[in-house]
PDB file of N, CA and C in Angstrom:
ATOM      1  N   UNK A   1      56.067 -11.051   2.845  1.00  0.00           N
ATOM      2  CA  UNK A   1      56.266 -11.018   4.280  1.00  0.00           C
ATOM      3  C   UNK A   1      56.257 -12.439   4.836  1.00  0.00           C
ATOM      4  N   UNK A   2      57.299 -12.804   5.514  1.00  0.00           N
ATOM      5  CA  UNK A   2      57.388 -14.123   6.134  1.00  0.00           C
ATOM      6  C   UNK A   2      56.656 -14.088   7.471  1.00  0.00           C
ATOM      7  N   UNK A   3      55.876 -15.109   7.716  1.00  0.00           N
ATOM      8  CA  UNK A   3      55.122 -15.191   8.963  1.00  0.00           C
ATOM      9  C   UNK A   3      55.874 -16.100   9.923  1.00  0.00           C
ATOM     10  N   UNK A   4      56.146 -15.576  11.114  1.00  0.00           N
ATOM     11  CA  UNK A   4      56.810 -16.357  12.151  1.00  0.00           C
ATOM     12  C   UNK A   4      55.808 -17.356  12.734  1.00  0.00           C
ATOM     13  N   UNK A   5      56.188 -18.622  12.780  1.00  0.00           N
ATOM     14  CA  UNK A   5      55.318 -19.661  13.329  1.00  0.00           C
ATOM     15  C   UNK A   5      55.964 -20.245  14.579  1.00  0.00           C
ATOM     16  N   UNK A   6      55.269 -20.155  15.714  1.00  0.00           N
ATOM     17  CA  UNK A   6      55.840 -20.702  16.944  1.00  0.00           C
ATOM     18  C   UNK A   6      55.876 -22.232  16.912  1.00  0.00           C
ATOM     19  N   UNK A   7      56.819 -22.795  17.653  1.00  0.00           N
ATOM     20  CA  UNK A   7      57.008 -24.245  17.670  1.00  0.00           C
ATOM     21  C   UNK A   7      55.757 -25.004  18.087  1.00  0.00           C
ATOM     22  N   UNK A   8      55.002 -24.461  19.052  1.00  0.00           N
ATOM     23  CA  UNK A   8      53.806 -25.179  19.506  1.00  0.00           C
ATOM     24  C   UNK A   8      52.738 -25.239  18.419  1.00  0.00           C
ATOM     25  N   UNK A   9      52.641 -24.212  17.594  1.00  0.00           N
ATOM     26  CA  UNK A   9      51.691 -24.216  16.486  1.00  0.00           C
ATOM     27  C   UNK A   9      52.118 -25.220  15.422  1.00  0.00           C
ATOM     28  N   UNK A  10      53.401 -25.275  15.143  1.00  0.00           N
ATOM     29  CA  UNK A  10      53.925 -26.241  14.174  1.00  0.00           C
ATOM     30  C   UNK A  10      53.684 -27.665  14.679  1.00  0.00           C
ATOM     31  N   UNK A  11      53.926 -27.910  15.958  1.00  0.00           N
ATOM     32  CA  UNK A  11      53.715 -29.239  16.529  1.00  0.00           C
ATOM     33  C   UNK A  11      52.246 -29.655  16.439  1.00  0.00           C
ATOM     34  N   UNK A  12      51.347 -28.720  16.664  1.00  0.00           N
ATOM     35  CA  UNK A  12      49.919 -29.008  16.581  1.00  0.00           C
ATOM     36  C   UNK A  12      49.528 -29.372  15.154  1.00  0.00           C
ATOM     37  N   UNK A  13      50.029 -28.626  14.177  1.00  0.00           N
ATOM     38  CA  UNK A  13      49.733 -28.934  12.772  1.00  0.00           C
ATOM     39  C   UNK A  13      50.364 -30.260  12.363  1.00  0.00           C
ATOM     40  N   UNK A  14      51.561 -30.569  12.866  1.00  0.00           N
ATOM     41  CA  UNK A  14      52.181 -31.864  12.559  1.00  0.00           C
ATOM     42  C   UNK A  14      51.308 -33.005  13.069  1.00  0.00           C
ATOM     43  N   UNK A  15      50.762 -32.839  14.277  1.00  0.00           N
ATOM     44  CA  UNK A  15      49.866 -33.869  14.836  1.00  0.00           C
ATOM     45  C   UNK A  15      48.626 -34.025  13.958  1.00  0.00           C
ATOM     46  N   UNK A  16      48.039 -32.906  13.552  1.00  0.00           N
ATOM     47  CA  UNK A  16      46.861 -32.959  12.692  1.00  0.00           C
ATOM     48  C   UNK A  16      47.185 -33.629  11.357  1.00  0.00           C
ATOM     49  N   UNK A  17      48.323 -33.281  10.780  1.00  0.00           N
ATOM     50  CA  UNK A  17      48.726 -33.855   9.485  1.00  0.00           C
ATOM     51  C   UNK A  17      48.932 -35.364   9.607  1.00  0.00           C
ATOM     52  N   UNK A  18      49.530 -35.808  10.699  1.00  0.00           N
ATOM     53  CA  UNK A  18      49.691 -37.252  10.923  1.00  0.00           C
ATOM     54  C   UNK A  18      48.331 -37.937  11.034  1.00  0.00           C
ATOM     55  N   UNK A  19      47.404 -37.306  11.747  1.00  0.00           N
ATOM     56  CA  UNK A  19      46.058 -37.876  11.876  1.00  0.00           C
ATOM     57  C   UNK A  19      45.349 -37.921  10.520  1.00  0.00           C
ATOM     58  N   UNK A  20      45.510 -36.865   9.715  1.00  0.00           N
ATOM     59  CA  UNK A  20      44.894 -36.834   8.385  1.00  0.00           C
ATOM     60  C   UNK A  20      45.442 -37.971   7.531  1.00  0.00           C
ATOM     61  N   UNK A  21      46.759 -38.138   7.537  1.00  0.00           N
ATOM     62  CA  UNK A  21      47.375 -39.185   6.719  1.00  0.00           C
ATOM     63  C   UNK A  21      46.941 -40.568   7.162  1.00  0.00           C
ATOM     64  N   UNK A  22      46.647 -40.740   8.442  1.00  0.00           N
ATOM     65  CA  UNK A  22      46.191 -42.029   8.962  1.00  0.00           C
ATOM     66  C   UNK A  22      44.678 -42.195   8.829  1.00  0.00           C
ATOM     67  N   UNK A  23      43.996 -41.163   8.328  1.00  0.00           N
ATOM     68  CA  UNK A  23      42.548 -41.207   8.204  1.00  0.00           C
ATOM     69  C   UNK A  23      41.850 -41.144   9.551  1.00  0.00           C
ATOM     70  N   UNK A  24      42.490 -40.490  10.528  1.00  0.00           N
ATOM     71  CA  UNK A  24      41.955 -40.471  11.880  1.00  0.00           C
ATOM     72  C   UNK A  24      41.944 -39.071  12.499  1.00  0.00           C
ATOM     73  N   UNK A  25      41.755 -38.053  11.669  1.00  0.00           N
ATOM     74  CA  UNK A  25      41.704 -36.695  12.209  1.00  0.00           C
ATOM     75  C   UNK A  25      40.479 -36.555  13.105  1.00  0.00           C
ATOM     76  N   UNK A  26      40.704 -36.084  14.320  1.00  0.00           N
ATOM     77  CA  UNK A  26      39.597 -35.881  15.251  1.00  0.00           C
ATOM     78  C   UNK A  26      39.129 -34.434  15.195  1.00  0.00           C
ATOM     79  N   UNK A  27      37.879 -34.234  15.557  1.00  0.00           N
ATOM     80  CA  UNK A  27      37.331 -32.885  15.619  1.00  0.00           C
ATOM     81  C   UNK A  27      38.094 -32.064  16.661  1.00  0.00           C
ATOM     82  N   UNK A  28      38.527 -32.712  17.731  1.00  0.00           N
ATOM     83  CA  UNK A  28      39.276 -32.031  18.786  1.00  0.00           C
ATOM     84  C   UNK A  28      40.590 -31.469  18.252  1.00  0.00           C
ATOM     85  N   UNK A  29      41.322 -32.266  17.486  1.00  0.00           N
ATOM     86  CA  UNK A  29      42.594 -31.814  16.922  1.00  0.00           C
ATOM     87  C   UNK A  29      42.369 -30.697  15.911  1.00  0.00           C
ATOM     88  N   UNK A  30      41.381 -30.870  15.038  1.00  0.00           N
ATOM     89  CA  UNK A  30      41.091 -29.851  14.029  1.00  0.00           C
ATOM     90  C   UNK A  30      40.707 -28.527  14.688  1.00  0.00           C
ATOM     91  N   UNK A  31      39.879 -28.585  15.714  1.00  0.00           N
ATOM     92  CA  UNK A  31      39.454 -27.374  16.416  1.00  0.00           C
ATOM     93  C   UNK A  31      40.627 -26.714  17.137  1.00  0.00           C
ATOM     94  N   UNK A  32      41.514 -27.525  17.692  1.00  0.00           N
ATOM     95  CA  UNK A  32      42.678 -26.984  18.397  1.00  0.00           C
ATOM     96  C   UNK A  32      43.596 -26.242  17.428  1.00  0.00           C
ATOM     97  N   UNK A  33      43.795 -26.804  16.239  1.00  0.00           N
ATOM     98  CA  UNK A  33      44.636 -26.141  15.236  1.00  0.00           C
ATOM     99  C   UNK A  33      44.000 -24.829  14.816  1.00  0.00           C
ATOM    100  N   UNK A  34      42.713 -24.843  14.515  1.00  0.00           N
ATOM    101  CA  UNK A  34      42.044 -23.625  14.075  1.00  0.00           C
ATOM    102  C   UNK A  34      42.071 -22.537  15.153  1.00  0.00           C
ATOM    103  N   UNK A  35      41.850 -22.928  16.392  1.00  0.00           N
ATOM    104  CA  UNK A  35      41.887 -21.957  17.490  1.00  0.00           C
ATOM    105  C   UNK A  35      43.285 -21.368  17.646  1.00  0.00           C
ATOM    106  N   UNK A  36      44.304 -22.208  17.531  1.00  0.00           N
ATOM    107  CA  UNK A  36      45.686 -21.741  17.667  1.00  0.00           C
ATOM    108  C   UNK A  36      46.075 -20.832  16.507  1.00  0.00           C
ATOM    109  N   UNK A  37      45.639 -21.169  15.296  1.00  0.00           N
ATOM    110  CA  UNK A  37      45.917 -20.336  14.124  1.00  0.00           C
ATOM    111  C   UNK A  37      45.261 -18.967  14.301  1.00  0.00           C
ATOM    112  N   UNK A  38      44.005 -18.963  14.712  1.00  0.00           N
ATOM    113  CA  UNK A  38      43.276 -17.710  14.904  1.00  0.00           C
ATOM    114  C   UNK A  38      43.939 -16.849  15.981  1.00  0.00           C
ATOM    115  N   UNK A  39      44.290 -17.466  17.093  1.00  0.00           N
ATOM    116  CA  UNK A  39      44.925 -16.731  18.191  1.00  0.00           C
ATOM    117  C   UNK A  39      46.264 -16.146  17.747  1.00  0.00           C
ATOM    118  N   UNK A  40      47.058 -16.938  17.016  1.00  0.00           N
ATOM    119  CA  UNK A  40      48.356 -16.451  16.559  1.00  0.00           C
ATOM    120  C   UNK A  40      48.184 -15.304  15.570  1.00  0.00           C
ATOM    121  N   UNK A  41      47.222 -15.426  14.671  1.00  0.00           N
ATOM    122  CA  UNK A  41      46.986 -14.369  13.688  1.00  0.00           C
ATOM    123  C   UNK A  41      46.589 -13.070  14.374  1.00  0.00           C
ATOM    124  N   UNK A  42      45.712 -13.168  15.355  1.00  0.00           N
ATOM    125  CA  UNK A  42      45.287 -11.972  16.082  1.00  0.00           C
ATOM    126  C   UNK A  42      46.459 -11.339  16.824  1.00  0.00           C
ATOM    127  N   UNK A  43      47.261 -12.168  17.477  1.00  0.00           N
ATOM    128  CA  UNK A  43      48.402 -11.668  18.245  1.00  0.00           C
ATOM    129  C   UNK A  43      49.454 -11.039  17.335  1.00  0.00           C
ATOM    130  N   UNK A  44      49.650 -11.633  16.151  1.00  0.00           N
ATOM    131  CA  UNK A  44      50.668 -11.140  15.223  1.00  0.00           C
ATOM    132  C   UNK A  44      50.151 -10.009  14.332  1.00  0.00           C
ATOM    133  N   UNK A  45      48.831  -9.815  14.318  1.00  0.00           N
ATOM    134  CA  UNK A  45      48.255  -8.765  13.489  1.00  0.00           C
ATOM    135  C   UNK A  45      48.269  -9.081  12.006  1.00  0.00           C
ATOM    136  N   UNK A  46      48.109 -10.368  11.682  1.00  0.00           N
ATOM    137  CA  UNK A  46      48.080 -10.790  10.282  1.00  0.00           C
ATOM    138  C   UNK A  46      46.796 -11.567  10.009  1.00  0.00           C
ATOM    139  N   UNK A  47      46.505 -11.745   8.744  1.00  0.00           N
ATOM    140  CA  UNK A  47      45.311 -12.467   8.333  1.00  0.00           C
ATOM    141  C   UNK A  47      45.410 -13.948   8.721  1.00  0.00           C
ATOM    142  N   UNK A  48      44.338 -14.493   9.262  1.00  0.00           N
ATOM    143  CA  UNK A  48      44.315 -15.885   9.700  1.00  0.00           C
ATOM    144  C   UNK A  48      44.611 -16.845   8.544  1.00  0.00           C
ATOM    145  N   UNK A  49      44.102 -16.534   7.383  1.00  0.00           N
ATOM    146  CA  UNK A  49      44.325 -17.410   6.232  1.00  0.00           C
ATOM    147  C   UNK A  49      45.794 -17.432   5.817  1.00  0.00           C
ATOM    148  N   UNK A  50      46.481 -16.315   5.966  1.00  0.00           N
ATOM    149  CA  UNK A  50      47.912 -16.286   5.664  1.00  0.00           C
ATOM    150  C   UNK A  50      48.689 -17.155   6.647  1.00  0.00           C
ATOM    151  N   UNK A  51      48.298 -17.101   7.925  1.00  0.00           N
ATOM    152  CA  UNK A  51      48.944 -17.951   8.929  1.00  0.00           C
ATOM    153  C   UNK A  51      48.697 -19.415   8.597  1.00  0.00           C
ATOM    154  N   UNK A  52      47.460 -19.752   8.271  1.00  0.00           N
ATOM    155  CA  UNK A  52      47.121 -21.139   7.963  1.00  0.00           C
ATOM    156  C   UNK A  52      47.895 -21.642   6.743  1.00  0.00           C
ATOM    157  N   UNK A  53      47.980 -20.829   5.706  1.00  0.00           N
ATOM    158  CA  UNK A  53      48.725 -21.240   4.515  1.00  0.00           C
ATOM    159  C   UNK A  53      50.205 -21.423   4.813  1.00  0.00           C
ATOM    160  N   UNK A  54      50.785 -20.501   5.575  1.00  0.00           N
ATOM    161  CA  UNK A  54      52.202 -20.613   5.932  1.00  0.00           C
ATOM    162  C   UNK A  54      52.447 -21.860   6.768  1.00  0.00           C
ATOM    163  N   UNK A  55      51.533 -22.145   7.673  1.00  0.00           N
ATOM    164  CA  UNK A  55      51.659 -23.315   8.531  1.00  0.00           C
ATOM    165  C   UNK A  55      51.583 -24.600   7.717  1.00  0.00           C
ATOM    166  N   UNK A  56      50.634 -24.692   6.826  1.00  0.00           N
ATOM    167  CA  UNK A  56      50.496 -25.896   5.996  1.00  0.00           C
ATOM    168  C   UNK A  56      51.716 -26.072   5.085  1.00  0.00           C
ATOM    169  N   UNK A  57      52.210 -24.960   4.536  1.00  0.00           N
ATOM    170  CA  UNK A  57      53.436 -25.052   3.713  1.00  0.00           C
ATOM    171  C   UNK A  57      54.600 -25.562   4.535  1.00  0.00           C
ATOM    172  N   UNK A  58      54.725 -25.069   5.757  1.00  0.00           N
ATOM    173  CA  UNK A  58      55.849 -25.457   6.619  1.00  0.00           C
ATOM    174  C   UNK A  58      55.792 -26.924   7.019  1.00  0.00           C
ATOM    175  N   UNK A  59      54.591 -27.446   7.209  1.00  0.00           N
ATOM    176  CA  UNK A  59      54.453 -28.816   7.704  1.00  0.00           C
ATOM    177  C   UNK A  59      54.224 -29.829   6.586  1.00  0.00           C
ATOM    178  N   UNK A  60      53.388 -29.493   5.638  1.00  0.00           N
ATOM    179  CA  UNK A  60      52.960 -30.471   4.630  1.00  0.00           C
ATOM    180  C   UNK A  60      53.775 -30.453   3.350  1.00  0.00           C
ATOM    181  N   UNK A  61      54.431 -29.358   3.055  1.00  0.00           N
ATOM    182  CA  UNK A  61      55.103 -29.220   1.766  1.00  0.00           C
ATOM    183  C   UNK A  61      56.581 -28.923   1.935  1.00  0.00           C
ATOM    184  N   UNK A  62      57.203 -29.682   2.814  1.00  0.00           N
ATOM    185  CA  UNK A  62      58.635 -29.465   3.038  1.00  0.00           C
ATOM    186  C   UNK A  62      59.428 -30.025   1.869  1.00  0.00           C
ATOM    187  N   UNK A  63      60.448 -29.312   1.523  1.00  0.00           N
ATOM    188  CA  UNK A  63      61.337 -29.737   0.438  1.00  0.00           C
ATOM    189  C   UNK A  63      62.481 -30.538   1.018  1.00  0.00           C
ATOM    190  N   UNK A  64      62.821 -31.661   0.395  1.00  0.00           N
ATOM    191  CA  UNK A  64      63.994 -32.418   0.884  1.00  0.00           C
ATOM    192  C   UNK A  64      65.258 -31.598   0.696  1.00  0.00           C
ATOM    193  N   UNK A  65      66.146 -31.698   1.681  1.00  0.00           N
ATOM    194  CA  UNK A  65      67.411 -30.972   1.590  1.00  0.00           C
ATOM    195  C   UNK A  65      68.350 -31.697   0.633  1.00  0.00           C
ATOM    196  N   UNK A  66      69.155 -30.926  -0.077  1.00  0.00           N
ATOM    197  CA  UNK A  66      70.124 -31.574  -0.947  1.00  0.00           C
ATOM    198  C   UNK A  66      70.460 -30.824  -2.153  1.00  0.00           C
TER     199      UNK A  66
END
């Protein structure tokens, strides 16, 4: 089952990933991502961990096109 990820959730995870790569992840950003993941999972009726994994795959493990 593919999990639909809204653009605002993807943007939030992209911000967190940039902060992680720079060694500057803030507690505020981390908490915002977790809250958004939880809210989306509840609204979509899916497991929060599945949403989190799908989100990380979408943002952190993108395959180059070609």
